[in-house]
Amino acid sequence: MEQDHIISEVRKNREELLSKFDYDLEKLYEYIKAQEKKSGAKLMNFQRKATKSARK
């Protein structure tokens, strides 16, 4: 099966980003929140979406 170059690039970027923070998701989260504050843009939304069963 031929490897998709977009998926390969996403995986490469993910690996580089995670290694930058020693694979610590809390450090990554703090970095993202600092970038949000600096730019004024909302980069991540941690609100849970309602599931179909919760909407009934």
N, C-alpha and C. Protein backbone atom coordinates (compact mmCIF):
# COMPACT_ATOMS: atom_id res chain seq x y z
N MET A 1 0.85 -1.19 0.00
CA MET A 1 0.00 0.00 0.00
C MET A 1 0.89 1.25 0.00
N GLU A 2 0.55 2.19 -0.85
CA GLU A 2 1.31 3.43 -0.95
C GLU A 2 1.04 4.31 0.26
N GLN A 3 2.10 4.90 0.80
CA GLN A 3 1.95 5.75 1.98
C GLN A 3 1.51 7.16 1.55
N ASP A 4 0.53 7.68 2.24
CA ASP A 4 0.00 9.01 1.96
C ASP A 4 0.99 10.06 2.50
N HIS A 5 1.44 10.97 1.63
CA HIS A 5 2.43 11.95 2.05
C HIS A 5 1.88 12.94 3.08
N ILE A 6 0.61 13.23 3.06
CA ILE A 6 0.01 14.14 4.04
C ILE A 6 0.02 13.49 5.42
N ILE A 7 -0.38 12.24 5.49
CA ILE A 7 -0.37 11.53 6.77
C ILE A 7 1.05 11.42 7.30
N SER A 8 1.99 11.13 6.43
CA SER A 8 3.40 11.06 6.84
C SER A 8 3.88 12.39 7.41
N GLU A 9 3.49 13.47 6.76
CA GLU A 9 3.90 14.79 7.23
C GLU A 9 3.27 15.12 8.58
N VAL A 10 2.00 14.79 8.75
CA VAL A 10 1.32 15.03 10.03
C VAL A 10 2.00 14.24 11.14
N ARG A 11 2.30 12.98 10.88
CA ARG A 11 2.96 12.14 11.88
C ARG A 11 4.35 12.67 12.23
N LYS A 12 5.07 13.13 11.22
CA LYS A 12 6.41 13.69 11.44
C LYS A 12 6.31 14.93 12.32
N ASN A 13 5.37 15.82 12.00
CA ASN A 13 5.19 17.05 12.78
C ASN A 13 4.74 16.74 14.21
N ARG A 14 3.86 15.76 14.36
CA ARG A 14 3.42 15.36 15.69
C ARG A 14 4.59 14.87 16.52
N GLU A 15 5.41 14.04 15.92
CA GLU A 15 6.58 13.51 16.61
C GLU A 15 7.54 14.62 17.03
N GLU A 16 7.80 15.56 16.13
CA GLU A 16 8.69 16.68 16.44
C GLU A 16 8.13 17.53 17.58
N LEU A 17 6.85 17.81 17.54
CA LEU A 17 6.22 18.63 18.58
C LEU A 17 6.25 17.91 19.93
N LEU A 18 5.88 16.66 19.94
CA LEU A 18 5.88 15.92 21.20
C LEU A 18 7.29 15.77 21.77
N SER A 19 8.26 15.52 20.91
CA SER A 19 9.63 15.36 21.41
C SER A 19 10.15 16.67 21.99
N LYS A 20 9.68 17.80 21.46
CA LYS A 20 10.07 19.12 21.97
C LYS A 20 9.65 19.28 23.44
N PHE A 21 8.57 18.61 23.83
CA PHE A 21 8.05 18.70 25.19
C PHE A 21 8.25 17.40 25.97
N ASP A 22 9.23 16.61 25.57
CA ASP A 22 9.57 15.35 26.25
C ASP A 22 8.36 14.43 26.39
N TYR A 23 7.47 14.46 25.42
CA TYR A 23 6.27 13.62 25.39
C TYR A 23 5.37 13.86 26.62
N ASP A 24 5.46 15.06 27.18
CA ASP A 24 4.65 15.44 28.34
C ASP A 24 3.48 16.28 27.84
N LEU A 25 2.28 15.71 27.88
CA LEU A 25 1.11 16.41 27.35
C LEU A 25 0.76 17.65 28.17
N GLU A 26 1.08 17.64 29.45
CA GLU A 26 0.81 18.82 30.27
C GLU A 26 1.69 19.99 29.82
N LYS A 27 2.95 19.73 29.51
CA LYS A 27 3.84 20.77 29.00
C LYS A 27 3.34 21.29 27.65
N LEU A 28 2.89 20.38 26.80
CA LEU A 28 2.35 20.77 25.50
C LEU A 28 1.11 21.65 25.68
N TYR A 29 0.23 21.26 26.58
CA TYR A 29 -0.98 22.03 26.87
C TYR A 29 -0.61 23.45 27.33
N GLU A 30 0.33 23.55 28.26
CA GLU A 30 0.74 24.86 28.76
C GLU A 30 1.34 25.72 27.64
N TYR A 31 2.10 25.11 26.76
CA TYR A 31 2.66 25.83 25.60
C TYR A 31 1.53 26.36 24.71
N ILE A 32 0.56 25.52 24.42
CA ILE A 32 -0.56 25.94 23.56
C ILE A 32 -1.35 27.07 24.21
N LYS A 33 -1.61 26.95 25.51
CA LYS A 33 -2.34 28.00 26.21
C LYS A 33 -1.56 29.31 26.20
N ALA A 34 -0.24 29.26 26.34
CA ALA A 34 0.59 30.47 26.29
C ALA A 34 0.53 31.09 24.89
N GLN A 35 0.53 30.26 23.84
CA GLN A 35 0.44 30.76 22.48
C GLN A 35 -0.92 31.42 22.24
N GLU A 36 -1.98 30.85 22.81
CA GLU A 36 -3.31 31.45 22.71
C GLU A 36 -3.31 32.84 23.33
N LYS A 37 -2.76 32.91 24.52
CA LYS A 37 -2.74 34.18 25.25
C LYS A 37 -1.94 35.23 24.48
N LYS A 38 -0.80 34.82 23.94
CA LYS A 38 0.06 35.73 23.20
C LYS A 38 -0.62 36.24 21.92
N SER A 39 -1.30 35.35 21.22
CA SER A 39 -1.88 35.72 19.92
C SER A 39 -3.29 36.29 20.03
N GLY A 40 -3.97 35.97 21.13
CA GLY A 40 -5.35 36.40 21.27
C GLY A 40 -6.34 35.51 20.53
N ALA A 41 -5.83 34.47 19.86
CA ALA A 41 -6.68 33.54 19.11
C ALA A 41 -6.96 32.30 19.94
N LYS A 42 -8.13 31.73 19.77
CA LYS A 42 -8.49 30.49 20.45
C LYS A 42 -7.98 29.34 19.59
N LEU A 43 -6.95 28.63 20.09
CA LEU A 43 -6.35 27.55 19.33
C LEU A 43 -6.95 26.19 19.64
N MET A 44 -7.43 26.02 20.86
CA MET A 44 -7.99 24.73 21.26
C MET A 44 -9.26 24.96 22.06
N ASN A 45 -10.21 24.06 21.90
CA ASN A 45 -11.45 24.10 22.65
C ASN A 45 -11.58 22.78 23.39
N PHE A 46 -11.58 22.86 24.72
CA PHE A 46 -11.66 21.66 25.52
C PHE A 46 -13.07 21.39 26.05
N GLN A 47 -14.07 22.09 25.49
CA GLN A 47 -15.45 21.84 25.87
C GLN A 47 -15.90 20.51 25.28
N ARG A 48 -16.58 19.73 26.07
CA ARG A 48 -17.10 18.46 25.58
C ARG A 48 -18.33 18.70 24.72
N LYS A 49 -18.41 17.98 23.64
CA LYS A 49 -19.59 18.05 22.78
C LYS A 49 -20.61 17.05 23.29
N ALA A 50 -21.87 17.43 23.19
CA ALA A 50 -22.93 16.53 23.61
C ALA A 50 -22.99 15.32 22.67
N THR A 51 -23.12 14.16 23.26
CA THR A 51 -23.27 12.97 22.44
C THR A 51 -24.73 12.79 22.06
N LYS A 52 -24.99 11.95 21.10
CA LYS A 52 -26.38 11.73 20.68
C LYS A 52 -27.24 11.26 21.84
N SER A 53 -26.73 10.38 22.68
CA SER A 53 -27.52 9.87 23.80
C SER A 53 -27.80 10.96 24.83
N ALA A 54 -26.89 11.95 24.96
CA ALA A 54 -27.09 13.03 25.92
C ALA A 54 -28.11 14.05 25.41
N ARG A 55 -28.32 14.10 24.11
CA ARG A 55 -29.25 15.07 23.53
C ARG A 55 -30.70 14.63 23.67
N LYS A 56 -30.95 13.36 23.89
CA LYS A 56 -32.33 12.85 23.94
C LYS A 56 -33.05 13.25 25.19
